Amino acid sequence: PAGYLWEVRGAILDCGDPDCPDAVISFILVDDDGNR
């Protein structure tokens, strides 16, 4: 979505839980004060 600052990060997960995905992409919305 336009009008926001985003950080995009990918991660491989190894949490040992069958409900846990193997990998995720995270979309982080960052405001002017650094809150995420």
PDB file of all heavy atoms in Angstrom:
ATOM      1  N   PRO A   1       0.824  -1.205   0.000  1.00  0.00           N
ATOM      2  CA  PRO A   1       0.000   0.000   0.000  1.00  0.00           C
ATOM      3  C   PRO A   1       0.862   1.261   0.000  1.00  0.00           C
ATOM      4  O   PRO A   1       1.877   1.336   0.695  1.00  0.00           O
ATOM      5  CB  PRO A   1      -0.817  -0.129   1.284  1.00  0.00           C
ATOM      6  CG  PRO A   1      -0.889  -1.610   1.530  1.00  0.00           C
ATOM      7  CD  PRO A   1       0.455  -2.118   1.087  1.00  0.00           C
ATOM      8  N   ALA A   2       0.476   2.241  -0.793  1.00  0.00           N
ATOM      9  CA  ALA A   2       1.224   3.495  -0.932  1.00  0.00           C
ATOM     10  C   ALA A   2       1.079   4.363   0.313  1.00  0.00           C
ATOM     11  O   ALA A   2       0.131   4.225   1.090  1.00  0.00           O
ATOM     12  CB  ALA A   2       0.737   4.259  -2.161  1.00  0.00           C
ATOM     13  N   GLY A   3       2.035   5.265   0.480  1.00  0.00           N
ATOM     14  CA  GLY A   3       1.972   6.243   1.559  1.00  0.00           C
ATOM     15  C   GLY A   3       2.635   5.802   2.845  1.00  0.00           C
ATOM     16  O   GLY A   3       2.519   6.481   3.867  1.00  0.00           O
ATOM     17  N   TYR A   4       3.336   4.679   2.831  1.00  0.00           N
ATOM     18  CA  TYR A   4       3.980   4.155   4.032  1.00  0.00           C
ATOM     19  C   TYR A   4       5.414   3.772   3.705  1.00  0.00           C
ATOM     20  O   TYR A   4       5.750   3.473   2.569  1.00  0.00           O
ATOM     21  CB  TYR A   4       3.252   2.897   4.543  1.00  0.00           C
ATOM     22  CG  TYR A   4       1.810   3.132   4.857  1.00  0.00           C
ATOM     23  CD1 TYR A   4       0.825   2.895   3.894  1.00  0.00           C
ATOM     24  CD2 TYR A   4       1.415   3.607   6.100  1.00  0.00           C
ATOM     25  CE1 TYR A   4      -0.511   3.118   4.173  1.00  0.00           C
ATOM     26  CE2 TYR A   4       0.075   3.831   6.383  1.00  0.00           C
ATOM     27  CZ  TYR A   4      -0.883   3.585   5.423  1.00  0.00           C
ATOM     28  OH  TYR A   4      -2.193   3.805   5.691  1.00  0.00           O
ATOM     29  N   LEU A   5       6.259   3.751   4.739  1.00  0.00           N
ATOM     30  CA  LEU A   5       7.614   3.227   4.596  1.00  0.00           C
ATOM     31  C   LEU A   5       7.583   1.778   5.053  1.00  0.00           C
ATOM     32  O   LEU A   5       7.093   1.475   6.139  1.00  0.00           O
ATOM     33  CB  LEU A   5       8.603   4.024   5.448  1.00  0.00           C
ATOM     34  CG  LEU A   5      10.047   3.503   5.427  1.00  0.00           C
ATOM     35  CD1 LEU A   5      10.630   3.590   4.009  1.00  0.00           C
ATOM     36  CD2 LEU A   5      10.905   4.279   6.409  1.00  0.00           C
ATOM     37  N   TRP A   6       8.115   0.887   4.221  1.00  0.00           N
ATOM     38  CA  TRP A   6       8.104  -0.540   4.501  1.00  0.00           C
ATOM     39  C   TRP A   6       9.515  -1.092   4.551  1.00  0.00           C
ATOM     40  O   TRP A   6      10.382  -0.666   3.801  1.00  0.00           O
ATOM     41  CB  TRP A   6       7.357  -1.287   3.398  1.00  0.00           C
ATOM     42  CG  TRP A   6       5.921  -0.952   3.295  1.00  0.00           C
ATOM     43  CD1 TRP A   6       5.342  -0.018   2.474  1.00  0.00           C
ATOM     44  CD2 TRP A   6       4.855  -1.545   4.016  1.00  0.00           C
ATOM     45  NE1 TRP A   6       3.983   0.000   2.653  1.00  0.00           N
ATOM     46  CE2 TRP A   6       3.660  -0.933   3.594  1.00  0.00           C
ATOM     47  CE3 TRP A   6       4.790  -2.543   4.985  1.00  0.00           C
ATOM     48  CZ2 TRP A   6       2.420  -1.283   4.104  1.00  0.00           C
ATOM     49  CZ3 TRP A   6       3.546  -2.893   5.496  1.00  0.00           C
ATOM     50  CH2 TRP A   6       2.378  -2.263   5.055  1.00  0.00           C
ATOM     51  N   GLU A   7       9.746  -2.056   5.426  1.00  0.00           N
ATOM     52  CA  GLU A   7      10.918  -2.911   5.377  1.00  0.00           C
ATOM     53  C   GLU A   7      10.413  -4.299   5.017  1.00  0.00           C
ATOM     54  O   GLU A   7       9.370  -4.735   5.518  1.00  0.00           O
ATOM     55  CB  GLU A   7      11.634  -2.967   6.727  1.00  0.00           C
ATOM     56  CG  GLU A   7      12.276  -1.670   7.123  1.00  0.00           C
ATOM     57  CD  GLU A   7      12.957  -1.746   8.482  1.00  0.00           C
ATOM     58  OE1 GLU A   7      13.047  -2.825   9.087  1.00  0.00           O
ATOM     59  OE2 GLU A   7      13.381  -0.681   8.944  1.00  0.00           O
ATOM     60  N   VAL A   8      11.130  -4.976   4.144  1.00  0.00           N
ATOM     61  CA  VAL A   8      10.732  -6.315   3.714  1.00  0.00           C
ATOM     62  C   VAL A   8      11.884  -7.256   4.032  1.00  0.00           C
ATOM     63  O   VAL A   8      13.021  -7.000   3.636  1.00  0.00           O
ATOM     64  CB  VAL A   8      10.407  -6.339   2.207  1.00  0.00           C
ATOM     65  CG1 VAL A   8       9.981  -7.729   1.772  1.00  0.00           C
ATOM     66  CG2 VAL A   8       9.322  -5.316   1.885  1.00  0.00           C
ATOM     67  N   ARG A   9      11.577  -8.342   4.748  1.00  0.00           N
ATOM     68  CA  ARG A   9      12.614  -9.290   5.165  1.00  0.00           C
ATOM     69  C   ARG A   9      12.124 -10.716   4.980  1.00  0.00           C
ATOM     70  O   ARG A   9      10.989 -11.033   5.301  1.00  0.00           O
ATOM     71  CB  ARG A   9      12.970  -9.092   6.637  1.00  0.00           C
ATOM     72  CG  ARG A   9      13.499  -7.721   6.939  1.00  0.00           C
ATOM     73  CD  ARG A   9      13.857  -7.571   8.373  1.00  0.00           C
ATOM     74  NE  ARG A   9      14.267  -6.197   8.630  1.00  0.00           N
ATOM     75  CZ  ARG A   9      14.556  -5.741   9.806  1.00  0.00           C
ATOM     76  NH1 ARG A   9      14.501  -6.526  10.858  1.00  0.00           N
ATOM     77  NH2 ARG A   9      14.917  -4.485   9.966  1.00  0.00           N
ATOM     78  N   GLY A  10      12.991 -11.551   4.495  1.00  0.00           N
ATOM     79  CA  GLY A  10      12.691 -12.972   4.393  1.00  0.00           C
ATOM     80  C   GLY A  10      13.450 -13.721   5.464  1.00  0.00           C
ATOM     81  O   GLY A  10      14.537 -13.304   5.871  1.00  0.00           O
ATOM     82  N   ALA A  11      12.883 -14.843   5.933  1.00  0.00           N
ATOM     83  CA  ALA A  11      13.546 -15.630   6.969  1.00  0.00           C
ATOM     84  C   ALA A  11      13.208 -17.102   6.816  1.00  0.00           C
ATOM     85  O   ALA A  11      12.066 -17.457   6.522  1.00  0.00           O
ATOM     86  CB  ALA A  11      13.119 -15.149   8.356  1.00  0.00           C
ATOM     87  N   ILE A  12      14.219 -17.948   6.999  1.00  0.00           N
ATOM     88  CA  ILE A  12      14.033 -19.392   7.087  1.00  0.00           C
ATOM     89  C   ILE A  12      13.789 -19.696   8.561  1.00  0.00           C
ATOM     90  O   ILE A  12      14.540 -19.230   9.427  1.00  0.00           O
ATOM     91  CB  ILE A  12      15.292 -20.151   6.602  1.00  0.00           C
ATOM     92  CG1 ILE A  12      15.692 -19.725   5.186  1.00  0.00           C
ATOM     93  CG2 ILE A  12      15.094 -21.654   6.713  1.00  0.00           C
ATOM     94  CD1 ILE A  12      14.750 -20.127   4.109  1.00  0.00           C
ATOM     95  N   LEU A  13      12.743 -20.470   8.858  1.00  0.00           N
ATOM     96  CA  LEU A  13      12.406 -20.792  10.244  1.00  0.00           C
ATOM     97  C   LEU A  13      12.730 -22.248  10.538  1.00  0.00           C
ATOM     98  O   LEU A  13      12.568 -23.109   9.680  1.00  0.00           O
ATOM     99  CB  LEU A  13      10.920 -20.532  10.507  1.00  0.00           C
ATOM    100  CG  LEU A  13      10.414 -19.128  10.187  1.00  0.00           C
ATOM    101  CD1 LEU A  13       8.920 -19.041  10.473  1.00  0.00           C
ATOM    102  CD2 LEU A  13      11.165 -18.085  10.991  1.00  0.00           C
ATOM    103  N   ASP A  14      13.167 -22.522  11.731  1.00  0.00           N
ATOM    104  CA  ASP A  14      13.445 -23.881  12.187  1.00  0.00           C
ATOM    105  C   ASP A  14      12.908 -23.994  13.599  1.00  0.00           C
ATOM    106  O   ASP A  14      13.664 -24.087  14.550  1.00  0.00           O
ATOM    107  CB  ASP A  14      14.947 -24.159  12.126  1.00  0.00           C
ATOM    108  CG  ASP A  14      15.274 -25.608  12.471  1.00  0.00           C
ATOM    109  OD1 ASP A  14      14.355 -26.453  12.429  1.00  0.00           O
ATOM    110  OD2 ASP A  14      16.443 -25.879  12.800  1.00  0.00           O
ATOM    111  N   CYS A  15      11.587 -23.947  13.720  1.00  0.00           N
ATOM    112  CA  CYS A  15      10.999 -23.889  15.058  1.00  0.00           C
ATOM    113  C   CYS A  15      10.551 -25.252  15.573  1.00  0.00           C
ATOM    114  O   CYS A  15      10.153 -25.368  16.717  1.00  0.00           O
ATOM    115  CB  CYS A  15       9.852 -22.888  15.092  1.00  0.00           C
ATOM    116  SG  CYS A  15       8.507 -23.265  13.991  1.00  0.00           S
ATOM    117  N   GLY A  16      10.597 -26.306  14.743  1.00  0.00           N
ATOM    118  CA  GLY A  16      10.242 -27.636  15.206  1.00  0.00           C
ATOM    119  C   GLY A  16       8.758 -27.861  15.437  1.00  0.00           C
ATOM    120  O   GLY A  16       8.353 -28.908  15.910  1.00  0.00           O
ATOM    121  N   ASP A  17       7.935 -26.903  15.104  1.00  0.00           N
ATOM    122  CA  ASP A  17       6.481 -27.006  15.272  1.00  0.00           C
ATOM    123  C   ASP A  17       5.869 -27.288  13.909  1.00  0.00           C
ATOM    124  O   ASP A  17       6.135 -26.569  12.950  1.00  0.00           O
ATOM    125  CB  ASP A  17       5.966 -25.677  15.832  1.00  0.00           C
ATOM    126  CG  ASP A  17       4.470 -25.658  16.084  1.00  0.00           C
ATOM    127  OD1 ASP A  17       3.748 -26.513  15.539  1.00  0.00           O
ATOM    128  OD2 ASP A  17       4.028 -24.772  16.823  1.00  0.00           O
ATOM    129  N   PRO A  18       5.024 -28.335  13.786  1.00  0.00           N
ATOM    130  CA  PRO A  18       4.435 -28.637  12.476  1.00  0.00           C
ATOM    131  C   PRO A  18       3.534 -27.522  11.929  1.00  0.00           C
ATOM    132  O   PRO A  18       3.304 -27.450  10.727  1.00  0.00           O
ATOM    133  CB  PRO A  18       3.639 -29.924  12.704  1.00  0.00           C
ATOM    134  CG  PRO A  18       3.491 -30.047  14.184  1.00  0.00           C
ATOM    135  CD  PRO A  18       4.611 -29.282  14.804  1.00  0.00           C
ATOM    136  N   ASP A  19       3.047 -26.645  12.803  1.00  0.00           N
ATOM    137  CA  ASP A  19       2.221 -25.521  12.352  1.00  0.00           C
ATOM    138  C   ASP A  19       3.058 -24.318  11.937  1.00  0.00           C
ATOM    139  O   ASP A  19       2.532 -23.326  11.449  1.00  0.00           O
ATOM    140  CB  ASP A  19       1.243 -25.095  13.455  1.00  0.00           C
ATOM    141  CG  ASP A  19       0.211 -26.173  13.733  1.00  0.00           C
ATOM    142  OD1 ASP A  19      -0.147 -26.915  12.794  1.00  0.00           O
ATOM    143  OD2 ASP A  19      -0.216 -26.286  14.892  1.00  0.00           O
ATOM    144  N   CYS A  20       4.361 -24.399  12.137  1.00  0.00           N
ATOM    145  CA  CYS A  20       5.270 -23.305  11.815  1.00  0.00           C
ATOM    146  C   CYS A  20       5.724 -23.455  10.359  1.00  0.00           C
ATOM    147  O   CYS A  20       6.168 -24.526   9.953  1.00  0.00           O
ATOM    148  CB  CYS A  20       6.461 -23.373  12.756  1.00  0.00           C
ATOM    149  SG  CYS A  20       7.710 -22.119  12.498  1.00  0.00           S
ATOM    150  N   PRO A  21       5.632 -22.390   9.557  1.00  0.00           N
ATOM    151  CA  PRO A  21       6.093 -22.492   8.169  1.00  0.00           C
ATOM    152  C   PRO A  21       7.614 -22.639   8.097  1.00  0.00           C
ATOM    153  O   PRO A  21       8.333 -22.284   9.029  1.00  0.00           O
ATOM    154  CB  PRO A  21       5.641 -21.177   7.540  1.00  0.00           C
ATOM    155  CG  PRO A  21       5.444 -20.243   8.665  1.00  0.00           C
ATOM    156  CD  PRO A  21       5.105 -21.071   9.872  1.00  0.00           C
ATOM    157  N   ASP A  22       8.087 -23.165   6.971  1.00  0.00           N
ATOM    158  CA  ASP A  22       9.530 -23.307   6.762  1.00  0.00           C
ATOM    159  C   ASP A  22      10.198 -21.959   6.516  1.00  0.00           C
ATOM    160  O   ASP A  22      11.356 -21.761   6.849  1.00  0.00           O
ATOM    161  CB  ASP A  22       9.814 -24.229   5.577  1.00  0.00           C
ATOM    162  CG  ASP A  22       9.394 -25.661   5.864  1.00  0.00           C
ATOM    163  OD1 ASP A  22       9.389 -26.068   7.041  1.00  0.00           O
ATOM    164  OD2 ASP A  22       9.064 -26.378   4.902  1.00  0.00           O
ATOM    165  N   ALA A  23       9.459 -21.044   5.879  1.00  0.00           N
ATOM    166  CA  ALA A  23      10.014 -19.730   5.551  1.00  0.00           C
ATOM    167  C   ALA A  23       8.895 -18.705   5.498  1.00  0.00           C
ATOM    168  O   ALA A  23       7.763 -19.026   5.140  1.00  0.00           O
ATOM    169  CB  ALA A  23      10.742 -19.774   4.216  1.00  0.00           C
ATOM    170  N   VAL A  24       9.220 -17.468   5.866  1.00  0.00           N
ATOM    171  CA  VAL A  24       8.249 -16.376   5.823  1.00  0.00           C
ATOM    172  C   VAL A  24       8.884 -15.152   5.182  1.00  0.00           C
ATOM    173  O   VAL A  24      10.101 -15.003   5.154  1.00  0.00           O
ATOM    174  CB  VAL A  24       7.715 -15.989   7.225  1.00  0.00           C
ATOM    175  CG1 VAL A  24       6.945 -17.134   7.853  1.00  0.00           C
ATOM    176  CG2 VAL A  24       8.818 -15.498   8.135  1.00  0.00           C
ATOM    177  N   ILE A  25       8.034 -14.297   4.679  1.00  0.00           N
ATOM    178  CA  ILE A  25       8.434 -12.953   4.283  1.00  0.00           C
ATOM    179  C   ILE A  25       7.656 -12.016   5.203  1.00  0.00           C
ATOM    180  O   ILE A  25       6.454 -12.184   5.397  1.00  0.00           O
ATOM    181  CB  ILE A  25       8.161 -12.673   2.795  1.00  0.00           C
ATOM    182  CG1 ILE A  25       8.605 -11.269   2.408  1.00  0.00           C
ATOM    183  CG2 ILE A  25       6.728 -12.913   2.424  1.00  0.00           C
ATOM    184  CD1 ILE A  25       8.534 -10.988   0.914  1.00  0.00           C
ATOM    185  N   SER A  26       8.378 -11.089   5.821  1.00  0.00           N
ATOM    186  CA  SER A  26       7.743 -10.156   6.752  1.00  0.00           C
ATOM    187  C   SER A  26       7.719  -8.761   6.148  1.00  0.00           C
ATOM    188  O   SER A  26       8.714  -8.305   5.583  1.00  0.00           O
ATOM    189  CB  SER A  26       8.490 -10.125   8.087  1.00  0.00           C
ATOM    190  OG  SER A  26       8.382 -11.364   8.738  1.00  0.00           O
ATOM    191  N   PHE A  27       6.588  -8.110   6.286  1.00  0.00           N
ATOM    192  CA  PHE A  27       6.384  -6.744   5.815  1.00  0.00           C
ATOM    193  C   PHE A  27       6.249  -5.884   7.063  1.00  0.00           C
ATOM    194  O   PHE A  27       5.324  -6.053   7.844  1.00  0.00           O
ATOM    195  CB  PHE A  27       5.118  -6.656   4.961  1.00  0.00           C
ATOM    196  CG  PHE A  27       5.161  -7.574   3.775  1.00  0.00           C
ATOM    197  CD1 PHE A  27       4.547  -8.814   3.826  1.00  0.00           C
ATOM    198  CD2 PHE A  27       5.805  -7.203   2.614  1.00  0.00           C
ATOM    199  CE1 PHE A  27       4.581  -9.660   2.730  1.00  0.00           C
ATOM    200  CE2 PHE A  27       5.844  -8.042   1.506  1.00  0.00           C
ATOM    201  CZ  PHE A  27       5.236  -9.277   1.572  1.00  0.00           C
ATOM    202  N   ILE A  28       7.193  -4.965   7.243  1.00  0.00           N
ATOM    203  CA  ILE A  28       7.267  -4.172   8.462  1.00  0.00           C
ATOM    204  C   ILE A  28       6.954  -2.719   8.122  1.00  0.00           C
ATOM    205  O   ILE A  28       7.651  -2.099   7.323  1.00  0.00           O
ATOM    206  CB  ILE A  28       8.661  -4.294   9.091  1.00  0.00           C
ATOM    207  CG1 ILE A  28       8.985  -5.779   9.322  1.00  0.00           C
ATOM    208  CG2 ILE A  28       8.751  -3.481  10.370  1.00  0.00           C
ATOM    209  CD1 ILE A  28      10.441  -6.085   9.444  1.00  0.00           C
ATOM    210  N   LEU A  29       5.903  -2.205   8.724  1.00  0.00           N
ATOM    211  CA  LEU A  29       5.501  -0.813   8.544  1.00  0.00           C
ATOM    212  C   LEU A  29       6.258   0.011   9.582  1.00  0.00           C
ATOM    213  O   LEU A  29       6.234  -0.319  10.769  1.00  0.00           O
ATOM    214  CB  LEU A  29       3.992  -0.700   8.742  1.00  0.00           C
ATOM    215  CG  LEU A  29       3.369   0.646   8.457  1.00  0.00           C
ATOM    216  CD1 LEU A  29       1.980   0.430   7.853  1.00  0.00           C
ATOM    217  CD2 LEU A  29       3.265   1.475   9.700  1.00  0.00           C
ATOM    218  N   VAL A  30       6.963   1.041   9.128  1.00  0.00           N
ATOM    219  CA  VAL A  30       7.798   1.862  10.007  1.00  0.00           C
ATOM    220  C   VAL A  30       7.282   3.293   9.975  1.00  0.00           C
ATOM    221  O   VAL A  30       7.064   3.858   8.906  1.00  0.00           O
ATOM    222  CB  VAL A  30       9.269   1.843   9.534  1.00  0.00           C
ATOM    223  CG1 VAL A  30      10.147   2.624  10.498  1.00  0.00           C
ATOM    224  CG2 VAL A  30       9.775   0.419   9.371  1.00  0.00           C
ATOM    225  N   ASP A  31       7.078   3.890  11.165  1.00  0.00           N
ATOM    226  CA  ASP A  31       6.643   5.286  11.192  1.00  0.00           C
ATOM    227  C   ASP A  31       7.837   6.217  11.426  1.00  0.00           C
ATOM    228  O   ASP A  31       8.972   5.771  11.566  1.00  0.00           O
ATOM    229  CB  ASP A  31       5.512   5.511  12.211  1.00  0.00           C
ATOM    230  CG  ASP A  31       5.942   5.326  13.663  1.00  0.00           C
ATOM    231  OD1 ASP A  31       7.153   5.381  13.966  1.00  0.00           O
ATOM    232  OD2 ASP A  31       5.051   5.136  14.508  1.00  0.00           O
ATOM    233  N   ASP A  32       7.574   7.514  11.455  1.00  0.00           N
ATOM    234  CA  ASP A  32       8.635   8.515  11.585  1.00  0.00           C
ATOM    235  C   ASP A  32       9.403   8.402  12.910  1.00  0.00           C
ATOM    236  O   ASP A  32      10.533   8.860  13.015  1.00  0.00           O
ATOM    237  CB  ASP A  32       8.071   9.927  11.460  1.00  0.00           C
ATOM    238  CG  ASP A  32       7.579  10.233  10.060  1.00  0.00           C
ATOM    239  OD1 ASP A  32       8.025   9.546   9.108  1.00  0.00           O
ATOM    240  OD2 ASP A  32       6.754  11.151   9.910  1.00  0.00           O
ATOM    241  N   ASP A  33       8.787   7.814  13.933  1.00  0.00           N
ATOM    242  CA  ASP A  33       9.438   7.662  15.230  1.00  0.00           C
ATOM    243  C   ASP A  33      10.164   6.324  15.363  1.00  0.00           C
ATOM    244  O   ASP A  33      10.687   6.002  16.432  1.00  0.00           O
ATOM    245  CB  ASP A  33       8.409   7.789  16.361  1.00  0.00           C
ATOM    246  CG  ASP A  33       7.808   9.185  16.433  1.00  0.00           C
ATOM    247  OD1 ASP A  33       8.535  10.161  16.147  1.00  0.00           O
ATOM    248  OD2 ASP A  33       6.615   9.297  16.773  1.00  0.00           O
ATOM    249  N   GLY A  34      10.168   5.522  14.297  1.00  0.00           N
ATOM    250  CA  GLY A  34      10.839   4.231  14.324  1.00  0.00           C
ATOM    251  C   GLY A  34      10.005   3.100  14.882  1.00  0.00           C
ATOM    252  O   GLY A  34      10.497   1.981  15.046  1.00  0.00           O
ATOM    253  N   ASN A  35       8.727   3.353  15.199  1.00  0.00           N
ATOM    254  CA  ASN A  35       7.848   2.291  15.672  1.00  0.00           C
ATOM    255  C   ASN A  35       7.537   1.357  14.515  1.00  0.00           C
ATOM    256  O   ASN A  35       7.382   1.793  13.381  1.00  0.00           O
ATOM    257  CB  ASN A  35       6.548   2.875  16.236  1.00  0.00           C
ATOM    258  CG  ASN A  35       6.814   3.805  17.398  1.00  0.00           C
ATOM    259  OD1 ASN A  35       7.494   3.438  18.340  1.00  0.00           O
ATOM    260  ND2 ASN A  35       6.298   5.010  17.321  1.00  0.00           N
ATOM    261  N   ARG A  36       7.442   0.062  14.828  1.00  0.00           N
ATOM    262  CA  ARG A  36       7.239  -0.931  13.786  1.00  0.00           C
ATOM    263  C   ARG A  36       6.042  -1.826  14.089  1.00  0.00           C
ATOM    264  O   ARG A  36       5.835  -2.217  15.232  1.00  0.00           O
ATOM    265  CB  ARG A  36       8.488  -1.806  13.636  1.00  0.00           C
ATOM    266  CG  ARG A  36       9.653  -1.080  13.028  1.00  0.00           C
ATOM    267  CD  ARG A  36      10.938  -1.873  13.139  1.00  0.00           C
ATOM    268  NE  ARG A  36      11.979  -1.374  12.250  1.00  0.00           N
ATOM    269  CZ  ARG A  36      12.647  -0.254  12.409  1.00  0.00           C
ATOM    270  NH1 ARG A  36      12.359   0.527  13.425  1.00  0.00           N
ATOM    271  NH2 ARG A  36      13.577   0.111  11.558  1.00  0.00           N
TER     272      ARG A  36
END
